[in-house]
């Protein structure tokens, strides 16, 4: 047996036969009744509703996460501001004495020395 190279007419006939076979197969398929179509539609709508609910839950989770991150940033900023204020208050409390305070301390020591003599 040898392989015969198909001619153009052979290929056209083969394609035509394949198309006819596909059409016959499609025609042989029974049509769906209204109840089956309604059931499929209800199942599809339910599936779509579930998917939408999942998407909404995911969106809500993402929004909650973003809000938590933003709140953490705000808390950190507030904490840093409080720390700056605390350090400023400490620096102010430990501020070097003014010249008037130094003079008053010096005068007090002088007066104490004079009182001892």
PDB file of N, CA and C in Angstrom:
ATOM      1  N   UNK A   1       0.834  -1.170   0.000  1.00  0.00           N
ATOM      2  CA  UNK A   1       0.000   0.000   0.000  1.00  0.00           C
ATOM      3  C   UNK A   1       0.880   1.236   0.000  1.00  0.00           C
ATOM      4  N   UNK A   2       0.527   2.126  -0.811  1.00  0.00           N
ATOM      5  CA  UNK A   2       1.264   3.375  -0.865  1.00  0.00           C
ATOM      6  C   UNK A   2       0.340   4.513  -0.466  1.00  0.00           C
ATOM      7  N   UNK A   3       0.920   5.587  -0.042  1.00  0.00           N
ATOM      8  CA  UNK A   3       0.159   6.754   0.378  1.00  0.00           C
ATOM      9  C   UNK A   3      -0.209   7.550  -0.849  1.00  0.00           C
ATOM     10  N   UNK A   4      -1.493   7.852  -0.980  1.00  0.00           N
ATOM     11  CA  UNK A   4      -1.974   8.615  -2.121  1.00  0.00           C
ATOM     12  C   UNK A   4      -2.142  10.064  -1.681  1.00  0.00           C
ATOM     13  N   UNK A   5      -1.532  10.982  -2.359  1.00  0.00           N
ATOM     14  CA  UNK A   5      -1.650  12.403  -2.047  1.00  0.00           C
ATOM     15  C   UNK A   5      -3.023  12.861  -2.501  1.00  0.00           C
ATOM     16  N   UNK A   6      -3.832  13.423  -1.558  1.00  0.00           N
ATOM     17  CA  UNK A   6      -5.184  13.825  -1.949  1.00  0.00           C
ATOM     18  C   UNK A   6      -5.159  15.058  -2.851  1.00  0.00           C
ATOM     19  N   UNK A   7      -6.028  15.046  -3.824  1.00  0.00           N
ATOM     20  CA  UNK A   7      -6.135  16.188  -4.734  1.00  0.00           C
ATOM     21  C   UNK A   7      -7.039  17.233  -4.094  1.00  0.00           C
ATOM     22  N   UNK A   8      -7.174  18.355  -4.767  1.00  0.00           N
ATOM     23  CA  UNK A   8      -8.025  19.431  -4.269  1.00  0.00           C
ATOM     24  C   UNK A   8      -9.464  18.954  -4.144  1.00  0.00           C
ATOM     25  N   UNK A   9      -9.944  18.236  -5.141  1.00  0.00           N
ATOM     26  CA  UNK A   9     -11.317  17.743  -5.111  1.00  0.00           C
ATOM     27  C   UNK A   9     -11.516  16.779  -3.946  1.00  0.00           C
ATOM     28  N   UNK A  10     -10.506  15.957  -3.650  1.00  0.00           N
ATOM     29  CA  UNK A  10     -10.603  15.031  -2.517  1.00  0.00           C
ATOM     30  C   UNK A  10     -10.708  15.797  -1.194  1.00  0.00           C
ATOM     31  N   UNK A  11      -9.906  16.845  -1.075  1.00  0.00           N
ATOM     32  CA  UNK A  11      -9.929  17.638   0.165  1.00  0.00           C
ATOM     33  C   UNK A  11     -11.261  18.366   0.329  1.00  0.00           C
ATOM     34  N   UNK A  12     -11.812  18.904  -0.767  1.00  0.00           N
ATOM     35  CA  UNK A  12     -13.104  19.588  -0.722  1.00  0.00           C
ATOM     36  C   UNK A  12     -14.200  18.598  -0.341  1.00  0.00           C
ATOM     37  N   UNK A  13     -14.167  17.416  -0.926  1.00  0.00           N
ATOM     38  CA  UNK A  13     -15.176  16.400  -0.629  1.00  0.00           C
ATOM     39  C   UNK A  13     -15.073  15.960   0.830  1.00  0.00           C
ATOM     40  N   UNK A  14     -13.854  15.812   1.332  1.00  0.00           N
ATOM     41  CA  UNK A  14     -13.649  15.408   2.719  1.00  0.00           C
ATOM     42  C   UNK A  14     -14.164  16.488   3.677  1.00  0.00           C
ATOM     43  N   UNK A  15     -13.895  17.748   3.367  1.00  0.00           N
ATOM     44  CA  UNK A  15     -14.373  18.849   4.203  1.00  0.00           C
ATOM     45  C   UNK A  15     -15.888  18.916   4.179  1.00  0.00           C
ATOM     46  N   UNK A  16     -16.473  18.720   3.009  1.00  0.00           N
ATOM     47  CA  UNK A  16     -17.930  18.746   2.881  1.00  0.00           C
ATOM     48  C   UNK A  16     -18.556  17.618   3.691  1.00  0.00           C
ATOM     49  N   UNK A  17     -17.961  16.448   3.644  1.00  0.00           N
ATOM     50  CA  UNK A  17     -18.477  15.310   4.405  1.00  0.00           C
ATOM     51  C   UNK A  17     -18.367  15.577   5.902  1.00  0.00           C
ATOM     52  N   UNK A  18     -17.278  16.206   6.332  1.00  0.00           N
ATOM     53  CA  UNK A  18     -17.101  16.521   7.749  1.00  0.00           C
ATOM     54  C   UNK A  18     -18.150  17.528   8.205  1.00  0.00           C
ATOM     55  N   UNK A  19     -18.441  18.520   7.359  1.00  0.00           N
ATOM     56  CA  UNK A  19     -19.463  19.515   7.697  1.00  0.00           C
ATOM     57  C   UNK A  19     -20.830  18.860   7.816  1.00  0.00           C
ATOM     58  N   UNK A  20     -21.144  17.970   6.877  1.00  0.00           N
ATOM     59  CA  UNK A  20     -22.431  17.280   6.921  1.00  0.00           C
ATOM     60  C   UNK A  20     -22.549  16.432   8.183  1.00  0.00           C
ATOM     61  N   UNK A  21     -21.473  15.746   8.542  1.00  0.00           N
ATOM     62  CA  UNK A  21     -21.491  14.902   9.737  1.00  0.00           C
ATOM     63  C   UNK A  21     -21.694  15.755  10.991  1.00  0.00           C
ATOM     64  N   UNK A  22     -21.040  16.917  11.042  1.00  0.00           N
ATOM     65  CA  UNK A  22     -21.197  17.798  12.201  1.00  0.00           C
ATOM     66  C   UNK A  22     -22.626  18.322  12.290  1.00  0.00           C
ATOM     67  N   UNK A  23     -23.221  18.690  11.140  1.00  0.00           N
ATOM     68  CA  UNK A  23     -24.602  19.164  11.134  1.00  0.00           C
ATOM     69  C   UNK A  23     -25.566  18.073  11.575  1.00  0.00           C
ATOM     70  N   UNK A  24     -25.362  16.856  11.117  1.00  0.00           N
ATOM     71  CA  UNK A  24     -26.224  15.742  11.513  1.00  0.00           C
ATOM     72  C   UNK A  24     -26.116  15.482  13.013  1.00  0.00           C
ATOM     73  N   UNK A  25     -24.902  15.576  13.519  1.00  0.00           N
ATOM     74  CA  UNK A  25     -24.701  15.363  14.951  1.00  0.00           C
ATOM     75  C   UNK A  25     -25.430  16.448  15.752  1.00  0.00           C
ATOM     76  N   UNK A  26     -25.381  17.690  15.261  1.00  0.00           N
ATOM     77  CA  UNK A  26     -26.057  18.793  15.931  1.00  0.00           C
ATOM     78  C   UNK A  26     -27.573  18.630  15.864  1.00  0.00           C
ATOM     79  N   UNK A  27     -28.075  18.190  14.710  1.00  0.00           N
ATOM     80  CA  UNK A  27     -29.524  18.004  14.554  1.00  0.00           C
ATOM     81  C   UNK A  27     -30.027  16.851  15.416  1.00  0.00           C
ATOM     82  N   UNK A  28     -29.189  15.850  15.616  1.00  0.00           N
ATOM     83  CA  UNK A  28     -29.594  14.682  16.389  1.00  0.00           C
ATOM     84  C   UNK A  28     -29.684  15.002  17.881  1.00  0.00           C
ATOM     85  N   UNK A  29     -29.028  16.064  18.300  1.00  0.00           N
ATOM     86  CA  UNK A  29     -29.043  16.443  19.706  1.00  0.00           C
ATOM     87  C   UNK A  29     -30.435  16.953  20.072  1.00  0.00           C
ATOM     88  N   UNK A  30     -31.042  16.411  21.120  1.00  0.00           N
ATOM     89  CA  UNK A  30     -32.400  16.855  21.477  1.00  0.00           C
ATOM     90  C   UNK A  30     -32.376  18.284  22.029  1.00  0.00           C
ATOM     91  N   UNK A  31     -33.433  19.025  21.732  1.00  0.00           N
ATOM     92  CA  UNK A  31     -33.533  20.396  22.237  1.00  0.00           C
ATOM     93  C   UNK A  31     -33.880  20.348  23.721  1.00  0.00           C
ATOM     94  N   UNK A  32     -33.391  21.355  24.433  1.00  0.00           N
ATOM     95  CA  UNK A  32     -33.670  21.427  25.866  1.00  0.00           C
ATOM     96  C   UNK A  32     -35.057  22.011  26.082  1.00  0.00           C
ATOM     97  N   UNK A  33     -35.739  21.467  27.063  1.00  0.00           N
ATOM     98  CA  UNK A  33     -37.071  21.992  27.357  1.00  0.00           C
ATOM     99  C   UNK A  33     -36.947  23.240  28.243  1.00  0.00           C
ATOM    100  N   UNK A  34     -38.060  23.936  28.394  1.00  0.00           N
ATOM    101  CA  UNK A  34     -38.067  25.203  29.130  1.00  0.00           C
ATOM    102  C   UNK A  34     -37.654  25.022  30.591  1.00  0.00           C
ATOM    103  N   UNK A  35     -38.053  23.915  31.197  1.00  0.00           N
ATOM    104  CA  UNK A  35     -37.714  23.679  32.604  1.00  0.00           C
ATOM    105  C   UNK A  35     -36.199  23.552  32.773  1.00  0.00           C
ATOM    106  N   UNK A  36     -35.566  22.817  31.849  1.00  0.00           N
ATOM    107  CA  UNK A  36     -34.105  22.642  31.912  1.00  0.00           C
ATOM    108  C   UNK A  36     -33.401  23.985  31.713  1.00  0.00           C
ATOM    109  N   UNK A  37     -33.881  24.771  30.752  1.00  0.00           N
ATOM    110  CA  UNK A  37     -33.279  26.084  30.506  1.00  0.00           C
ATOM    111  C   UNK A  37     -33.441  26.994  31.725  1.00  0.00           C
ATOM    112  N   UNK A  38     -34.623  26.976  32.338  1.00  0.00           N
ATOM    113  CA  UNK A  38     -34.865  27.801  33.519  1.00  0.00           C
ATOM    114  C   UNK A  38     -33.972  27.357  34.677  1.00  0.00           C
ATOM    115  N   UNK A  39     -33.798  26.046  34.821  1.00  0.00           N
ATOM    116  CA  UNK A  39     -32.943  25.519  35.882  1.00  0.00           C
ATOM    117  C   UNK A  39     -31.496  25.955  35.676  1.00  0.00           C
ATOM    118  N   UNK A  40     -31.017  25.867  34.441  1.00  0.00           N
ATOM    119  CA  UNK A  40     -29.645  26.292  34.137  1.00  0.00           C
ATOM    120  C   UNK A  40     -29.465  27.792  34.385  1.00  0.00           C
ATOM    121  N   UNK A  41     -30.471  28.566  33.984  1.00  0.00           N
ATOM    122  CA  UNK A  41     -30.394  30.010  34.185  1.00  0.00           C
ATOM    123  C   UNK A  41     -30.356  30.341  35.676  1.00  0.00           C
ATOM    124  N   UNK A  42     -31.187  29.655  36.465  1.00  0.00           N
ATOM    125  CA  UNK A  42     -31.206  29.890  37.912  1.00  0.00           C
ATOM    126  C   UNK A  42     -29.860  29.521  38.528  1.00  0.00           C
ATOM    127  N   UNK A  43     -29.287  28.402  38.086  1.00  0.00           N
ATOM    128  CA  UNK A  43     -27.986  27.983  38.606  1.00  0.00           C
ATOM    129  C   UNK A  43     -26.911  29.005  38.238  1.00  0.00           C
ATOM    130  N   UNK A  44     -26.969  29.516  36.999  1.00  0.00           N
ATOM    131  CA  UNK A  44     -25.993  30.510  36.551  1.00  0.00           C
ATOM    132  C   UNK A  44     -26.129  31.794  37.366  1.00  0.00           C
ATOM    133  N   UNK A  45     -27.371  32.233  37.580  1.00  0.00           N
ATOM    134  CA  UNK A  45     -27.594  33.453  38.358  1.00  0.00           C
ATOM    135  C   UNK A  45     -27.122  33.288  39.802  1.00  0.00           C
ATOM    136  N   UNK A  46     -27.371  32.109  40.372  1.00  0.00           N
ATOM    137  CA  UNK A  46     -26.921  31.848  41.737  1.00  0.00           C
ATOM    138  C   UNK A  46     -25.392  31.864  41.803  1.00  0.00           C
ATOM    139  N   UNK A  47     -24.748  31.234  40.826  1.00  0.00           N
ATOM    140  CA  UNK A  47     -23.287  31.199  40.781  1.00  0.00           C
ATOM    141  C   UNK A  47     -22.721  32.619  40.647  1.00  0.00           C
ATOM    142  N   UNK A  48     -23.348  33.428  39.774  1.00  0.00           N
ATOM    143  CA  UNK A  48     -22.899  34.806  39.597  1.00  0.00           C
ATOM    144  C   UNK A  48     -23.081  35.610  40.883  1.00  0.00           C
ATOM    145  N   UNK A  49     -24.189  35.383  41.588  1.00  0.00           N
ATOM    146  CA  UNK A  49     -24.432  36.093  42.850  1.00  0.00           C
ATOM    147  C   UNK A  49     -23.383  35.708  43.895  1.00  0.00           C
ATOM    148  N   UNK A  50     -23.044  34.415  43.954  1.00  0.00           N
ATOM    149  CA  UNK A  50     -22.021  33.964  44.899  1.00  0.00           C
ATOM    150  C   UNK A  50     -20.669  34.584  44.568  1.00  0.00           C
ATOM    151  N   UNK A  51     -20.337  34.629  43.270  1.00  0.00           N
ATOM    152  CA  UNK A  51     -19.070  35.229  42.857  1.00  0.00           C
ATOM    153  C   UNK A  51     -19.042  36.717  43.197  1.00  0.00           C
ATOM    154  N   UNK A  52     -20.160  37.404  42.999  1.00  0.00           N
ATOM    155  CA  UNK A  52     -20.240  38.833  43.332  1.00  0.00           C
ATOM    156  C   UNK A  52     -20.081  39.034  44.835  1.00  0.00           C
ATOM    157  N   UNK A  53     -20.689  38.143  45.631  1.00  0.00           N
ATOM    158  CA  UNK A  53     -20.552  38.239  47.088  1.00  0.00           C
ATOM    159  C   UNK A  53     -19.091  38.042  47.496  1.00  0.00           C
ATOM    160  N   UNK A  54     -18.412  37.093  46.851  1.00  0.00           N
ATOM    161  CA  UNK A  54     -16.994  36.874  47.151  1.00  0.00           C
ATOM    162  C   UNK A  54     -16.175  38.109  46.790  1.00  0.00           C
ATOM    163  N   UNK A  55     -16.484  38.700  45.616  1.00  0.00           N
ATOM    164  CA  UNK A  55     -15.754  39.906  45.200  1.00  0.00           C
ATOM    165  C   UNK A  55     -15.984  41.045  46.189  1.00  0.00           C
ATOM    166  N   UNK A  56     -17.231  41.200  46.636  1.00  0.00           N
ATOM    167  CA  UNK A  56     -17.546  42.260  47.602  1.00  0.00           C
ATOM    168  C   UNK A  56     -16.820  42.017  48.925  1.00  0.00           C
ATOM    169  N   UNK A  57     -16.787  40.761  49.365  1.00  0.00           N
ATOM    170  CA  UNK A  57     -16.091  40.441  50.612  1.00  0.00           C
ATOM    171  C   UNK A  57     -14.601  40.743  50.475  1.00  0.00           C
ATOM    172  N   UNK A  58     -14.046  40.407  49.319  1.00  0.00           N
ATOM    173  CA  UNK A  58     -12.625  40.674  49.086  1.00  0.00           C
ATOM    174  C   UNK A  58     -12.368  42.177  49.069  1.00  0.00           C
ATOM    175  N   UNK A  59     -13.264  42.928  48.392  1.00  0.00           N
ATOM    176  CA  UNK A  59     -13.112  44.393  48.361  1.00  0.00           C
ATOM    177  C   UNK A  59     -13.187  44.966  49.773  1.00  0.00           C
ATOM    178  N   UNK A  60     -14.137  44.469  50.563  1.00  0.00           N
ATOM    179  CA  UNK A  60     -14.291  44.960  51.935  1.00  0.00           C
ATOM    180  C   UNK A  60     -13.048  44.641  52.767  1.00  0.00           C
ATOM    181  N   UNK A  61     -12.492  43.446  52.574  1.00  0.00           N
ATOM    182  CA  UNK A  61     -11.282  43.073  53.311  1.00  0.00           C
ATOM    183  C   UNK A  61     -10.117  43.977  52.920  1.00  0.00           C
ATOM    184  N   UNK A  62     -10.004  44.269  51.633  1.00  0.00           N
ATOM    185  CA  UNK A  62      -8.926  45.146  51.165  1.00  0.00           C
ATOM    186  C   UNK A  62      -9.109  46.549  51.738  1.00  0.00           C
ATOM    187  N   UNK A  63     -10.343  47.043  51.729  1.00  0.00           N
ATOM    188  CA  UNK A  63     -10.617  48.374  52.281  1.00  0.00           C
ATOM    189  C   UNK A  63     -10.312  48.408  53.781  1.00  0.00           C
ATOM    190  N   UNK A  64     -10.687  47.344  54.495  1.00  0.00           N
ATOM    191  CA  UNK A  64     -10.412  47.286  55.930  1.00  0.00           C
ATOM    192  C   UNK A  64      -8.905  47.266  56.183  1.00  0.00           C
ATOM    193  N   UNK A  65      -8.186  46.526  55.356  1.00  0.00           N
ATOM    194  CA  UNK A  65      -6.733  46.465  55.506  1.00  0.00           C
ATOM    195  C   UNK A  65      -6.109  47.831  55.235  1.00  0.00           C
ATOM    196  N   UNK A  66      -6.595  48.509  54.186  1.00  0.00           N
ATOM    197  CA  UNK A  66      -6.081  49.849  53.884  1.00  0.00           C
ATOM    198  C   UNK A  66      -6.372  50.801  55.038  1.00  0.00           C
ATOM    199  N   UNK A  67      -7.585  50.714  55.597  1.00  0.00           N
ATOM    200  CA  UNK A  67      -7.950  51.579  56.716  1.00  0.00           C
ATOM    201  C   UNK A  67      -7.073  51.288  57.935  1.00  0.00           C
ATOM    202  N   UNK A  68      -6.790  50.011  58.177  1.00  0.00           N
ATOM    203  CA  UNK A  68      -5.941  49.645  59.310  1.00  0.00           C
ATOM    204  C   UNK A  68      -4.526  50.179  59.116  1.00  0.00           C
ATOM    205  N   UNK A  69      -4.014  50.078  57.898  1.00  0.00           N
ATOM    206  CA  UNK A  69      -2.674  50.591  57.606  1.00  0.00           C
ATOM    207  C   UNK A  69      -2.645  52.107  57.792  1.00  0.00           C
ATOM    208  N   UNK A  70      -3.665  52.781  57.288  1.00  0.00           N
ATOM    209  CA  UNK A  70      -3.743  54.241  57.420  1.00  0.00           C
ATOM    210  C   UNK A  70      -3.837  54.636  58.891  1.00  0.00           C
ATOM    211  N   UNK A  71      -4.642  53.902  59.667  1.00  0.00           N
ATOM    212  CA  UNK A  71      -4.769  54.197  61.095  1.00  0.00           C
ATOM    213  C   UNK A  71      -3.440  53.971  61.801  1.00  0.00           C
ATOM    214  N   UNK A  72      -2.723  52.912  61.419  1.00  0.00           N
ATOM    215  CA  UNK A  72      -1.416  52.646  62.022  1.00  0.00           C
ATOM    216  C   UNK A  72      -0.450  53.790  61.715  1.00  0.00           C
ATOM    217  N   UNK A  73      -0.499  54.303  60.480  1.00  0.00           N
ATOM    218  CA  UNK A  73       0.358  55.437  60.121  1.00  0.00           C
ATOM    219  C   UNK A  73       0.012  56.654  60.971  1.00  0.00           C
ATOM    220  N   UNK A  74      -1.298  56.926  61.113  1.00  0.00           N
ATOM    221  CA  UNK A  74      -1.722  58.077  61.911  1.00  0.00           C
ATOM    222  C   UNK A  74      -1.315  57.911  63.379  1.00  0.00           C
ATOM    223  N   UNK A  75      -1.458  56.687  63.908  1.00  0.00           N
ATOM    224  CA  UNK A  75      -1.051  56.426  65.288  1.00  0.00           C
ATOM    225  C   UNK A  75       0.446  56.650  65.465  1.00  0.00           C
ATOM    226  N   UNK A  76       1.222  56.194  64.495  1.00  0.00           N
ATOM    227  CA  UNK A  76       2.677  56.356  64.565  1.00  0.00           C
ATOM    228  C   UNK A  76       3.045  57.833  64.525  1.00  0.00           C
ATOM    229  N   UNK A  77       2.383  58.593  63.654  1.00  0.00           N
ATOM    230  CA  UNK A  77       2.657  60.028  63.560  1.00  0.00           C
ATOM    231  C   UNK A  77       2.300  60.715  64.877  1.00  0.00           C
ATOM    232  N   UNK A  78       1.141  60.364  65.455  1.00  0.00           N
ATOM    233  CA  UNK A  78       0.727  60.953  66.730  1.00  0.00           C
ATOM    234  C   UNK A  78       1.713  60.594  67.838  1.00  0.00           C
ATOM    235  N   UNK A  79       2.185  59.355  67.823  1.00  0.00           N
ATOM    236  CA  UNK A  79       3.148  58.914  68.827  1.00  0.00           C
ATOM    237  C   UNK A  79       4.460  59.687  68.693  1.00  0.00           C
ATOM    238  N   UNK A  80       4.905  59.887  67.447  1.00  0.00           N
ATOM    239  CA  UNK A  80       6.132  60.646  67.217  1.00  0.00           C
ATOM    240  C   UNK A  80       5.968  62.095  67.666  1.00  0.00           C
ATOM    241  N   UNK A  81       4.798  62.674  67.402  1.00  0.00           N
ATOM    242  CA  UNK A  81       4.542  64.054  67.834  1.00  0.00           C
ATOM    243  C   UNK A  81       4.558  64.145  69.361  1.00  0.00           C
ATOM    244  N   UNK A  82       3.935  63.171  70.035  1.00  0.00           N
ATOM    245  CA  UNK A  82       3.926  63.166  71.497  1.00  0.00           C
ATOM    246  C   UNK A  82       5.350  63.033  72.039  1.00  0.00           C
ATOM    247  N   UNK A  83       6.152  62.204  71.397  1.00  0.00           N
ATOM    248  CA  UNK A  83       7.545  62.028  71.814  1.00  0.00           C
ATOM    249  C   UNK A  83       8.324  63.332  71.626  1.00  0.00           C
ATOM    250  N   UNK A  84       8.088  64.018  70.501  1.00  0.00           N
ATOM    251  CA  UNK A  84       8.758  65.306  70.270  1.00  0.00           C
ATOM    252  C   UNK A  84       8.369  66.319  71.338  1.00  0.00           C
ATOM    253  N   UNK A  85       7.074  66.360  71.662  1.00  0.00           N
ATOM    254  CA  UNK A  85       6.610  67.287  72.693  1.00  0.00           C
ATOM    255  C   UNK A  85       7.219  66.949  74.051  1.00  0.00           C
ATOM    256  N   UNK A  86       7.312  65.659  74.363  1.00  0.00           N
ATOM    257  CA  UNK A  86       7.903  65.236  75.633  1.00  0.00           C
ATOM    258  C   UNK A  86       9.375  65.635  75.698  1.00  0.00           C
ATOM    259  N   UNK A  87      10.106  65.416  74.601  1.00  0.00           N
ATOM    260  CA  UNK A  87      11.518  65.790  74.574  1.00  0.00           C
ATOM    261  C   UNK A  87      11.688  67.302  74.684  1.00  0.00           C
ATOM    262  N   UNK A  88      10.808  68.049  74.017  1.00  0.00           N
ATOM    263  CA  UNK A  88      10.881  69.509  74.102  1.00  0.00           C
ATOM    264  C   UNK A  88      10.620  69.969  75.532  1.00  0.00           C
ATOM    265  N   UNK A  89       9.652  69.337  76.201  1.00  0.00           N
ATOM    266  CA  UNK A  89       9.355  69.691  77.592  1.00  0.00           C
ATOM    267  C   UNK A  89      10.538  69.359  78.493  1.00  0.00           C
ATOM    268  N   UNK A  90      11.192  68.217  78.258  1.00  0.00           N
ATOM    269  CA  UNK A  90      12.372  67.851  79.047  1.00  0.00           C
ATOM    270  C   UNK A  90      13.492  68.855  78.834  1.00  0.00           C
ATOM    271  N   UNK A  91      13.710  69.222  77.558  1.00  0.00           N
ATOM    272  CA  UNK A  91      14.761  70.200  77.264  1.00  0.00           C
ATOM    273  C   UNK A  91      14.457  71.542  77.929  1.00  0.00           C
ATOM    274  N   UNK A  92      13.184  71.911  77.903  1.00  0.00           N
ATOM    275  CA  UNK A  92      12.797  73.179  78.520  1.00  0.00           C
ATOM    276  C   UNK A  92      12.998  73.106  80.031  1.00  0.00           C
ATOM    277  N   UNK A  93      12.656  71.958  80.622  1.00  0.00           N
ATOM    278  CA  UNK A  93      12.828  71.790  82.066  1.00  0.00           C
ATOM    279  C   UNK A  93      14.307  71.792  82.439  1.00  0.00           C
ATOM    280  N   UNK A  94      15.150  71.244  81.586  1.00  0.00           N
ATOM    281  CA  UNK A  94      16.580  71.174  81.853  1.00  0.00           C
ATOM    282  C   UNK A  94      17.332  72.344  81.225  1.00  0.00           C
ATOM    283  N   UNK A  95      16.618  73.367  80.828  1.00  0.00           N
ATOM    284  CA  UNK A  95      17.249  74.509  80.174  1.00  0.00           C
ATOM    285  C   UNK A  95      18.254  75.144  81.132  1.00  0.00           C
ATOM    286  N   UNK A  96      19.349  75.629  80.596  1.00  0.00           N
ATOM    287  CA  UNK A  96      20.345  76.269  81.469  1.00  0.00           C
ATOM    288  C   UNK A  96      19.737  77.520  82.122  1.00  0.00           C
ATOM    289  N   UNK A  97      20.158  77.802  83.313  1.00  0.00           N
ATOM    290  CA  UNK A  97      19.596  78.964  84.007  1.00  0.00           C
ATOM    291  C   UNK A  97      19.944  80.270  83.283  1.00  0.00           C
ATOM    292  N   UNK A  98      19.041  81.195  83.376  1.00  0.00           N
ATOM    293  CA  UNK A  98      19.275  82.490  82.735  1.00  0.00           C
ATOM    294  C   UNK A  98      20.286  83.281  83.560  1.00  0.00           C
ATOM    295  N   UNK A  99      20.738  84.375  83.007  1.00  0.00           N
ATOM    296  CA  UNK A  99      21.739  85.180  83.717  1.00  0.00           C
ATOM    297  C   UNK A  99      21.163  85.743  85.018  1.00  0.00           C
ATOM    298  N   UNK A 100      19.886  86.076  85.024  1.00  0.00           N
ATOM    299  CA  UNK A 100      19.268  86.587  86.253  1.00  0.00           C
ATOM    300  C   UNK A 100      19.237  85.501  87.318  1.00  0.00           C
ATOM    301  N   UNK A 101      18.927  84.249  86.914  1.00  0.00           N
ATOM    302  CA  UNK A 101      18.914  83.143  87.879  1.00  0.00           C
ATOM    303  C   UNK A 101      20.318  82.887  88.417  1.00  0.00           C
ATOM    304  N   UNK A 102      21.315  82.931  87.521  1.00  0.00           N
ATOM    305  CA  UNK A 102      22.701  82.731  87.955  1.00  0.00           C
ATOM    306  C   UNK A 102      23.107  83.820  88.959  1.00  0.00           C
ATOM    307  N   UNK A 103      22.729  85.072  88.679  1.00  0.00           N
ATOM    308  CA  UNK A 103      23.058  86.177  89.578  1.00  0.00           C
ATOM    309  C   UNK A 103      22.384  85.964  90.929  1.00  0.00           C
ATOM    310  N   UNK A 104      21.123  85.490  90.917  1.00  0.00           N
ATOM    311  CA  UNK A 104      20.411  85.248  92.172  1.00  0.00           C
ATOM    312  C   UNK A 104      21.098  84.153  92.973  1.00  0.00           C
ATOM    313  N   UNK A 105      21.544  83.076  92.332  1.00  0.00           N
ATOM    314  CA  UNK A 105      22.263  81.998  93.025  1.00  0.00           C
ATOM    315  C   UNK A 105      23.578  82.522  93.614  1.00  0.00           C
ATOM    316  N   UNK A 106      24.291  83.306  92.831  1.00  0.00           N
ATOM    317  CA  UNK A 106      25.568  83.864  93.283  1.00  0.00           C
ATOM    318  C   UNK A 106      25.346  84.783  94.495  1.00  0.00           C
ATOM    319  N   UNK A 107      24.321  85.608  94.409  1.00  0.00           N
ATOM    320  CA  UNK A 107      24.016  86.514  95.517  1.00  0.00           C
ATOM    321  C   UNK A 107      23.624  85.729  96.769  1.00  0.00           C
ATOM    322  N   UNK A 108      22.893  84.616  96.588  1.00  0.00           N
ATOM    323  CA  UNK A 108      22.490  83.795  97.731  1.00  0.00           C
ATOM    324  C   UNK A 108      23.717  83.179  98.386  1.00  0.00           C
ATOM    325  N   UNK A 109      24.668  82.711  97.617  1.00  0.00           N
ATOM    326  CA  UNK A 109      25.901  82.145  98.181  1.00  0.00           C
ATOM    327  C   UNK A 109      26.690  83.233  98.931  1.00  0.00           C
ATOM    328  N   UNK A 110      26.764  84.382  98.323  1.00  0.00           N
ATOM    329  CA  UNK A 110      27.481  85.496  98.940  1.00  0.00           C
ATOM    330  C   UNK A 110      26.833  85.871 100.275  1.00  0.00           C
ATOM    331  N   UNK A 111      25.493  85.934 100.266  1.00  0.00           N
ATOM    332  CA  UNK A 111      24.781  86.284 101.494  1.00  0.00           C
ATOM    333  C   UNK A 111      24.986  85.210 102.550  1.00  0.00           C
ATOM    334  N   UNK A 112      25.035  83.931 102.149  1.00  0.00           N
ATOM    335  CA  UNK A 112      25.250  82.837 103.098  1.00  0.00           C
ATOM    336  C   UNK A 112      26.650  82.937 103.687  1.00  0.00           C
ATOM    337  N   UNK A 113      27.636  83.272 102.884  1.00  0.00           N
ATOM    338  CA  UNK A 113      29.005  83.430 103.386  1.00  0.00           C
ATOM    339  C   UNK A 113      29.079  84.591 104.380  1.00  0.00           C
ATOM    340  N   UNK A 114      28.430  85.678 104.044  1.00  0.00           N
ATOM    341  CA  UNK A 114      28.442  86.845 104.925  1.00  0.00           C
ATOM    342  C   UNK A 114      27.757  86.524 106.248  1.00  0.00           C
ATOM    343  N   UNK A 115      26.694  85.693 106.173  1.00  0.00           N
ATOM    344  CA  UNK A 115      25.950  85.357 107.380  1.00  0.00           C
ATOM    345  C   UNK A 115      26.784  84.471 108.290  1.00  0.00           C
ATOM    346  N   UNK A 116      27.660  83.657 107.756  1.00  0.00           N
ATOM    347  CA  UNK A 116      28.488  82.763 108.566  1.00  0.00           C
ATOM    348  C   UNK A 116      29.573  83.552 109.298  1.00  0.00           C
ATOM    349  N   UNK A 117      30.048  84.637 108.776  1.00  0.00           N
ATOM    350  CA  UNK A 117      31.150  85.373 109.383  1.00  0.00           C
ATOM    351  C   UNK A 117      30.723  86.221 110.501  1.00  0.00           C
TER     352      UNK A 117
END
